[in-house]
Protein backbone atom coordinates (compact mmCIF):
# COMPACT_ATOMS: atom_id res chain seq x y z
CA UNK A 1 -101.93 -248.68 -67.98
CA UNK A 2 -100.21 -248.78 -71.35
CA UNK A 3 -96.96 -247.57 -69.78
CA UNK A 4 -97.27 -250.17 -67.04
CA UNK A 5 -97.80 -252.85 -69.68
CA UNK A 6 -94.79 -251.69 -71.68
CA UNK A 7 -92.67 -251.62 -68.52
CA UNK A 8 -93.73 -255.16 -67.63
CA UNK A 9 -92.91 -256.28 -71.17
CA UNK A 10 -89.43 -254.77 -70.81
CA UNK A 11 -88.97 -256.56 -67.49
CA UNK A 12 -90.01 -259.81 -69.19
CA UNK A 13 -87.48 -259.26 -72.00
CA UNK A 14 -84.78 -258.51 -69.40
CA UNK A 15 -85.61 -261.63 -67.40
CA UNK A 16 -85.42 -263.75 -70.54
CA UNK A 17 -81.81 -262.64 -71.04
CA UNK A 18 -80.92 -263.07 -67.35
CA UNK A 19 -82.57 -266.36 -66.39
CA UNK A 20 -83.94 -269.51 -68.00
CA UNK A 21 -86.59 -269.93 -65.30
CA UNK A 22 -89.94 -269.66 -67.11
CA UNK A 23 -91.73 -269.17 -63.79
CA UNK A 24 -89.80 -265.96 -63.07
CA UNK A 25 -90.12 -264.75 -66.65
CA UNK A 26 -93.93 -264.99 -66.49
CA UNK A 27 -94.88 -264.34 -62.86
CA UNK A 28 -92.71 -261.31 -62.04
CA UNK A 29 -94.10 -259.12 -64.88
CA UNK A 30 -97.66 -260.36 -64.20
CA UNK A 31 -97.43 -259.49 -60.50
CA UNK A 32 -95.93 -256.11 -61.38
CA UNK A 33 -98.76 -255.42 -63.83
CA UNK A 34 -101.48 -256.33 -61.34
CA UNK A 35 -99.79 -254.46 -58.47
CA UNK A 36 -99.11 -251.29 -60.40
CA UNK A 37 -102.57 -251.42 -61.94
CA UNK A 38 -104.09 -251.61 -58.46
CA UNK A 39 -101.97 -248.67 -57.28
CA UNK A 40 -102.98 -246.57 -60.29
CA UNK A 41 -106.65 -247.43 -59.77
CA UNK A 42 -106.42 -246.57 -56.07
CA UNK A 43 -104.65 -243.24 -56.68
CA UNK A 44 -106.95 -242.11 -59.48
CA UNK A 45 -110.08 -242.87 -57.47
CA UNK A 46 -109.08 -240.84 -54.43
CA UNK A 47 -111.39 -237.81 -54.13
CA UNK A 48 -108.51 -235.33 -53.97
CA UNK A 49 -106.93 -236.63 -57.17
CA UNK A 50 -110.28 -236.87 -58.96
CA UNK A 51 -111.15 -233.29 -57.98
CA UNK A 52 -107.75 -232.09 -59.20
CA UNK A 53 -108.19 -233.83 -62.55
CA UNK A 54 -111.66 -232.34 -62.99
CA UNK A 55 -110.33 -228.89 -62.12
CA UNK A 56 -107.40 -229.28 -64.52
CA UNK A 57 -109.73 -230.32 -67.33
CA UNK A 58 -111.93 -227.29 -66.66
CA UNK A 59 -108.94 -224.95 -66.75
CA UNK A 60 -107.64 -226.49 -69.99
CA UNK A 61 -111.00 -225.86 -71.63
CA UNK A 62 -110.70 -222.15 -70.73
CA UNK A 63 -107.28 -221.75 -72.35
CA UNK A 64 -107.21 -219.84 -75.60
CA UNK A 65 -104.90 -221.97 -77.70
CA UNK A 66 -102.87 -220.27 -80.45
CA UNK A 67 -103.74 -220.87 -84.07
CA UNK A 68 -101.49 -222.87 -86.37
CA UNK A 69 -100.21 -219.64 -87.97
CA UNK A 70 -99.31 -218.16 -84.56
CA UNK A 71 -97.45 -221.33 -83.58
CA UNK A 72 -95.58 -221.32 -86.90
CA UNK A 73 -94.62 -217.64 -86.53
CA UNK A 74 -93.42 -218.08 -82.95
CA UNK A 75 -91.43 -221.18 -83.89
CA UNK A 76 -89.82 -219.32 -86.81
CA UNK A 77 -88.78 -216.48 -84.48
CA UNK A 78 -87.21 -218.94 -82.04
CA UNK A 79 -85.31 -220.77 -84.80
CA UNK A 80 -84.01 -217.51 -86.29
CA UNK A 81 -82.86 -216.21 -82.89
CA UNK A 82 -81.13 -219.51 -82.09
CA UNK A 83 -79.31 -219.48 -85.45
CA UNK A 84 -78.21 -215.86 -84.96
CA UNK A 85 -76.97 -216.54 -81.43
CA UNK A 86 -75.15 -219.68 -82.58
CA UNK A 87 -73.44 -217.66 -85.33
CA UNK A 88 -72.44 -214.93 -82.87
CA UNK A 89 -71.10 -217.50 -80.43
CA UNK A 90 -69.15 -219.22 -83.22
CA UNK A 91 -67.64 -215.95 -84.45
CA UNK A 92 -66.70 -214.86 -80.93
CA UNK A 93 -65.16 -218.28 -80.25
CA UNK A 94 -63.15 -218.09 -83.46
CA UNK A 95 -62.03 -214.54 -82.64
CA UNK A 96 -60.92 -215.50 -79.14
CA UNK A 97 -59.15 -218.61 -80.45
CA UNK A 98 -57.18 -216.55 -82.96
CA UNK A 99 -56.44 -213.91 -80.33
CA UNK A 100 -55.13 -216.41 -77.78
CA UNK A 101 -53.13 -218.27 -80.42
CA UNK A 102 -51.32 -215.03 -81.27
CA UNK A 103 -50.80 -214.05 -77.64
CA UNK A 104 -49.61 -217.42 -76.43
């Protein structure tokens, strides 16, 4: 509902710049908020969706999440590999640029 509220606020700010009609500036975002809120309530209370959310929560509780040290180590590996590949790509680009400059 927070996203719906923020979206309605953005629509209100947009309508303020587009029109001077206070009725449109107030009613359009309010109707959007109520309508989208009703749709979200209806979707989340369907048995299929509720069962899926319960199942997803159960599965997320079973996950063995990595420790902070494991996340840090994996992130460091990724950053190092990206830097090495960027350097190799830069060197190969420079080499090919020099090569083609001499040939052409």
